[in-house]
C-alpha cells in the first residue's frame, strides 16, 4: 500500500474505532489512532494470524486496522482511566 492509502485507511479506521468505543476527538486524533491501530493490527495479524495488512481494498486489512485501532483506544483509555 502507498503512503496516501495508509493515511486514508488510518483516518477511516480511527473514525470507526472512535464510533465503536464512543470516544471524542477530531480528525487528527482519528488519523493518529487509525495509523497506530493499523500498524498494531497488521503486526498482530502477521505474527499471530499469518496475514497482515496488505491491500487497501481487502476486508482482512480493514478488519485488522479497525481492530487494532479499537485495541489502541482501549489501552489508551485504560492507561488514562477514561471510561468507554
N, C-alpha and C. Protein backbone atom coordinates (compact mmCIF):
# COMPACT_ATOMS: atom_id res chain seq x y z
N UNK A 1 0.83 -1.17 0.00
CA UNK A 1 0.00 0.00 0.00
C UNK A 1 0.88 1.24 0.00
N UNK A 2 0.42 2.27 -0.66
CA UNK A 2 1.15 3.51 -0.71
C UNK A 2 0.91 4.37 0.53
N UNK A 3 1.67 5.42 0.63
CA UNK A 3 1.60 6.33 1.77
C UNK A 3 0.21 6.96 1.91
N UNK A 4 -0.35 7.42 0.81
CA UNK A 4 -1.68 8.05 0.84
C UNK A 4 -2.74 7.03 1.25
N UNK A 5 -2.62 5.80 0.78
CA UNK A 5 -3.58 4.76 1.15
C UNK A 5 -3.53 4.48 2.66
N UNK A 6 -2.32 4.48 3.24
CA UNK A 6 -2.19 4.29 4.68
C UNK A 6 -2.88 5.42 5.44
N UNK A 7 -2.72 6.66 4.96
CA UNK A 7 -3.34 7.80 5.62
C UNK A 7 -4.86 7.71 5.54
N UNK A 8 -5.38 7.39 4.37
CA UNK A 8 -6.84 7.27 4.20
C UNK A 8 -7.38 6.14 5.06
N UNK A 9 -6.71 4.99 5.04
CA UNK A 9 -7.16 3.85 5.84
C UNK A 9 -7.08 4.20 7.33
N UNK A 10 -6.02 4.86 7.74
CA UNK A 10 -5.88 5.24 9.14
C UNK A 10 -6.97 6.19 9.59
N UNK A 11 -7.29 7.16 8.75
CA UNK A 11 -8.33 8.13 9.10
C UNK A 11 -9.69 7.45 9.24
N UNK A 12 -10.02 6.60 8.29
CA UNK A 12 -11.32 5.92 8.33
C UNK A 12 -11.37 4.90 9.47
N UNK A 13 -10.29 4.11 9.63
CA UNK A 13 -10.27 3.11 10.71
C UNK A 13 -10.32 3.78 12.07
N UNK A 14 -9.62 4.89 12.24
CA UNK A 14 -9.65 5.61 13.50
C UNK A 14 -11.02 6.18 13.80
N UNK A 15 -11.69 6.71 12.77
CA UNK A 15 -13.04 7.25 12.96
C UNK A 15 -14.02 6.14 13.34
N UNK A 16 -13.92 5.00 12.69
CA UNK A 16 -14.80 3.87 13.01
C UNK A 16 -14.52 3.37 14.43
N UNK A 17 -13.25 3.28 14.80
CA UNK A 17 -12.90 2.82 16.15
C UNK A 17 -13.41 3.80 17.19
N UNK A 18 -13.35 5.10 16.90
CA UNK A 18 -13.87 6.09 17.85
C UNK A 18 -15.39 5.97 17.99
N UNK A 19 -16.08 5.64 16.90
CA UNK A 19 -17.53 5.43 17.00
C UNK A 19 -17.84 4.19 17.81
N UNK A 20 -17.06 3.13 17.62
CA UNK A 20 -17.29 1.89 18.36
C UNK A 20 -17.07 2.10 19.85
N UNK A 21 -16.00 2.80 20.21
CA UNK A 21 -15.66 3.00 21.62
C UNK A 21 -16.28 4.26 22.22
N UNK A 22 -17.00 5.03 21.39
CA UNK A 22 -17.67 6.26 21.82
C UNK A 22 -16.70 7.28 22.40
N UNK A 23 -15.52 7.38 21.80
CA UNK A 23 -14.54 8.41 22.18
C UNK A 23 -14.79 9.66 21.37
N UNK A 24 -14.37 10.78 21.92
CA UNK A 24 -14.49 12.04 21.18
C UNK A 24 -13.12 12.42 20.62
N UNK A 25 -13.12 13.44 19.80
CA UNK A 25 -11.87 13.92 19.24
C UNK A 25 -12.06 14.31 17.79
N UNK A 26 -11.09 15.00 17.26
CA UNK A 26 -11.15 15.48 15.89
C UNK A 26 -10.53 14.52 14.90
N UNK A 27 -10.38 15.02 13.68
CA UNK A 27 -9.88 14.16 12.61
C UNK A 27 -8.40 13.87 12.76
N UNK A 28 -7.64 14.75 13.39
CA UNK A 28 -6.21 14.49 13.57
C UNK A 28 -6.01 13.35 14.56
N UNK A 29 -6.76 13.35 15.65
CA UNK A 29 -6.63 12.25 16.61
C UNK A 29 -7.14 10.95 16.00
N UNK A 30 -8.17 11.03 15.15
CA UNK A 30 -8.65 9.82 14.46
C UNK A 30 -7.57 9.27 13.55
N UNK A 31 -6.88 10.16 12.85
CA UNK A 31 -5.81 9.75 11.94
C UNK A 31 -4.68 9.09 12.71
N UNK A 32 -4.27 9.69 13.81
CA UNK A 32 -3.17 9.14 14.60
C UNK A 32 -3.56 7.78 15.17
N UNK A 33 -4.76 7.70 15.76
CA UNK A 33 -5.23 6.42 16.32
C UNK A 33 -5.33 5.36 15.22
N UNK A 34 -5.87 5.76 14.07
CA UNK A 34 -6.02 4.81 12.97
C UNK A 34 -4.70 4.31 12.42
N UNK A 35 -3.73 5.20 12.26
CA UNK A 35 -2.43 4.78 11.76
C UNK A 35 -1.72 3.85 12.74
N UNK A 36 -1.74 4.23 14.01
CA UNK A 36 -1.13 3.35 15.03
C UNK A 36 -1.89 2.04 15.10
N UNK A 37 -3.22 2.11 15.04
CA UNK A 37 -4.03 0.89 15.08
C UNK A 37 -3.80 -0.01 13.89
N UNK A 38 -3.62 0.57 12.70
CA UNK A 38 -3.34 -0.25 11.51
C UNK A 38 -2.00 -0.96 11.64
N UNK A 39 -1.02 -0.26 12.20
CA UNK A 39 0.29 -0.89 12.41
C UNK A 39 0.18 -2.01 13.44
N UNK A 40 -0.51 -1.73 14.55
CA UNK A 40 -0.68 -2.74 15.60
C UNK A 40 -1.48 -3.93 15.07
N UNK A 41 -2.60 -3.64 14.39
CA UNK A 41 -3.41 -4.73 13.82
C UNK A 41 -2.65 -5.53 12.78
N UNK A 42 -1.87 -4.85 11.95
CA UNK A 42 -1.06 -5.56 10.95
C UNK A 42 0.00 -6.43 11.59
N UNK A 43 0.61 -5.92 12.67
CA UNK A 43 1.63 -6.71 13.36
C UNK A 43 1.00 -7.95 14.00
N UNK A 44 -0.14 -7.77 14.66
CA UNK A 44 -0.84 -8.90 15.28
C UNK A 44 -1.25 -9.91 14.21
N UNK A 45 -1.81 -9.41 13.11
CA UNK A 45 -2.23 -10.31 12.03
C UNK A 45 -1.08 -11.07 11.42
N UNK A 46 0.04 -10.38 11.19
CA UNK A 46 1.19 -11.03 10.56
C UNK A 46 1.85 -12.04 11.48
N UNK A 47 1.94 -11.72 12.77
CA UNK A 47 2.65 -12.60 13.70
C UNK A 47 1.81 -13.70 14.30
N UNK A 48 0.52 -13.50 14.44
CA UNK A 48 -0.31 -14.49 15.13
C UNK A 48 -1.37 -15.14 14.23
N UNK A 49 -1.77 -14.44 13.18
CA UNK A 49 -2.82 -14.97 12.31
C UNK A 49 -2.32 -15.35 10.92
N UNK A 50 -1.06 -15.05 10.64
CA UNK A 50 -0.46 -15.46 9.38
C UNK A 50 -0.72 -14.53 8.19
N UNK A 51 -1.39 -13.39 8.41
CA UNK A 51 -1.68 -12.48 7.30
C UNK A 51 -1.88 -11.08 7.86
N UNK A 52 -1.04 -10.14 7.43
CA UNK A 52 -1.11 -8.77 7.94
C UNK A 52 -1.91 -7.86 7.02
N UNK A 53 -1.77 -6.56 7.25
CA UNK A 53 -2.41 -5.55 6.42
C UNK A 53 -1.66 -5.51 5.10
N UNK A 54 -2.39 -5.72 4.00
CA UNK A 54 -1.72 -5.78 2.71
C UNK A 54 -2.28 -4.82 1.69
N UNK A 55 -3.48 -5.05 1.25
CA UNK A 55 -4.06 -4.25 0.19
C UNK A 55 -5.18 -3.36 0.73
N UNK A 56 -5.38 -2.23 0.09
CA UNK A 56 -6.35 -1.25 0.55
C UNK A 56 -7.77 -1.78 0.49
N UNK A 57 -8.11 -2.51 -0.55
CA UNK A 57 -9.49 -2.98 -0.73
C UNK A 57 -9.75 -4.37 -0.14
N UNK A 58 -8.88 -4.83 0.72
CA UNK A 58 -9.04 -6.13 1.37
C UNK A 58 -9.83 -5.97 2.67
N UNK A 59 -10.90 -6.75 2.82
CA UNK A 59 -11.66 -6.72 4.07
C UNK A 59 -10.81 -7.14 5.26
N UNK A 60 -9.88 -8.05 5.02
CA UNK A 60 -8.96 -8.50 6.07
C UNK A 60 -8.12 -7.32 6.59
N UNK A 61 -7.60 -6.52 5.67
CA UNK A 61 -6.80 -5.36 6.04
C UNK A 61 -7.62 -4.35 6.84
N UNK A 62 -8.83 -4.10 6.40
CA UNK A 62 -9.71 -3.16 7.11
C UNK A 62 -10.07 -3.69 8.49
N UNK A 63 -10.35 -4.98 8.59
CA UNK A 63 -10.67 -5.58 9.89
C UNK A 63 -9.51 -5.47 10.86
N UNK A 64 -8.30 -5.74 10.37
CA UNK A 64 -7.12 -5.62 11.22
C UNK A 64 -6.88 -4.17 11.64
N UNK A 65 -7.05 -3.24 10.71
CA UNK A 65 -6.83 -1.83 11.02
C UNK A 65 -7.85 -1.32 12.04
N UNK A 66 -9.10 -1.67 11.86
CA UNK A 66 -10.14 -1.23 12.79
C UNK A 66 -9.97 -1.92 14.14
N UNK A 67 -9.71 -3.21 14.12
CA UNK A 67 -9.48 -3.94 15.37
C UNK A 67 -8.27 -3.42 16.13
N UNK A 68 -7.20 -3.13 15.41
CA UNK A 68 -6.02 -2.55 16.05
C UNK A 68 -6.31 -1.18 16.62
N UNK A 69 -7.12 -0.38 15.92
CA UNK A 69 -7.48 0.95 16.40
C UNK A 69 -8.32 0.87 17.66
N UNK A 70 -9.26 -0.06 17.69
CA UNK A 70 -10.08 -0.25 18.90
C UNK A 70 -9.18 -0.69 20.06
N UNK A 71 -8.22 -1.57 19.79
CA UNK A 71 -7.30 -2.02 20.83
C UNK A 71 -6.46 -0.85 21.35
N UNK A 72 -5.96 -0.01 20.44
CA UNK A 72 -5.18 1.16 20.86
C UNK A 72 -6.02 2.10 21.71
N UNK A 73 -7.25 2.37 21.31
CA UNK A 73 -8.12 3.24 22.10
C UNK A 73 -8.44 2.63 23.46
N UNK A 74 -8.68 1.33 23.49
CA UNK A 74 -8.98 0.66 24.74
C UNK A 74 -7.79 0.77 25.70
N UNK A 75 -6.57 0.52 25.18
CA UNK A 75 -5.38 0.63 26.02
C UNK A 75 -5.16 2.07 26.48
N UNK A 76 -5.38 3.04 25.60
CA UNK A 76 -5.25 4.44 25.96
C UNK A 76 -6.23 4.81 27.08
N UNK A 77 -7.47 4.37 26.94
CA UNK A 77 -8.47 4.65 27.97
C UNK A 77 -8.14 3.94 29.28
N UNK A 78 -7.56 2.76 29.19
CA UNK A 78 -7.17 2.02 30.38
C UNK A 78 -6.04 2.75 31.11
N UNK A 79 -5.07 3.27 30.36
CA UNK A 79 -3.95 3.97 30.96
C UNK A 79 -4.38 5.30 31.56
N UNK A 80 -5.25 6.03 30.84
CA UNK A 80 -5.67 7.34 31.32
C UNK A 80 -6.90 7.28 32.22
N UNK A 81 -7.38 6.09 32.49
CA UNK A 81 -8.53 5.85 33.38
C UNK A 81 -9.83 6.44 32.86
N UNK A 82 -9.96 6.58 31.55
CA UNK A 82 -11.22 7.05 30.97
C UNK A 82 -12.14 5.85 30.80
N UNK A 83 -13.43 6.07 31.01
CA UNK A 83 -14.40 5.00 30.82
C UNK A 83 -14.94 5.08 29.41
N UNK A 84 -15.12 3.92 28.82
CA UNK A 84 -15.66 3.86 27.45
C UNK A 84 -17.15 3.86 27.52
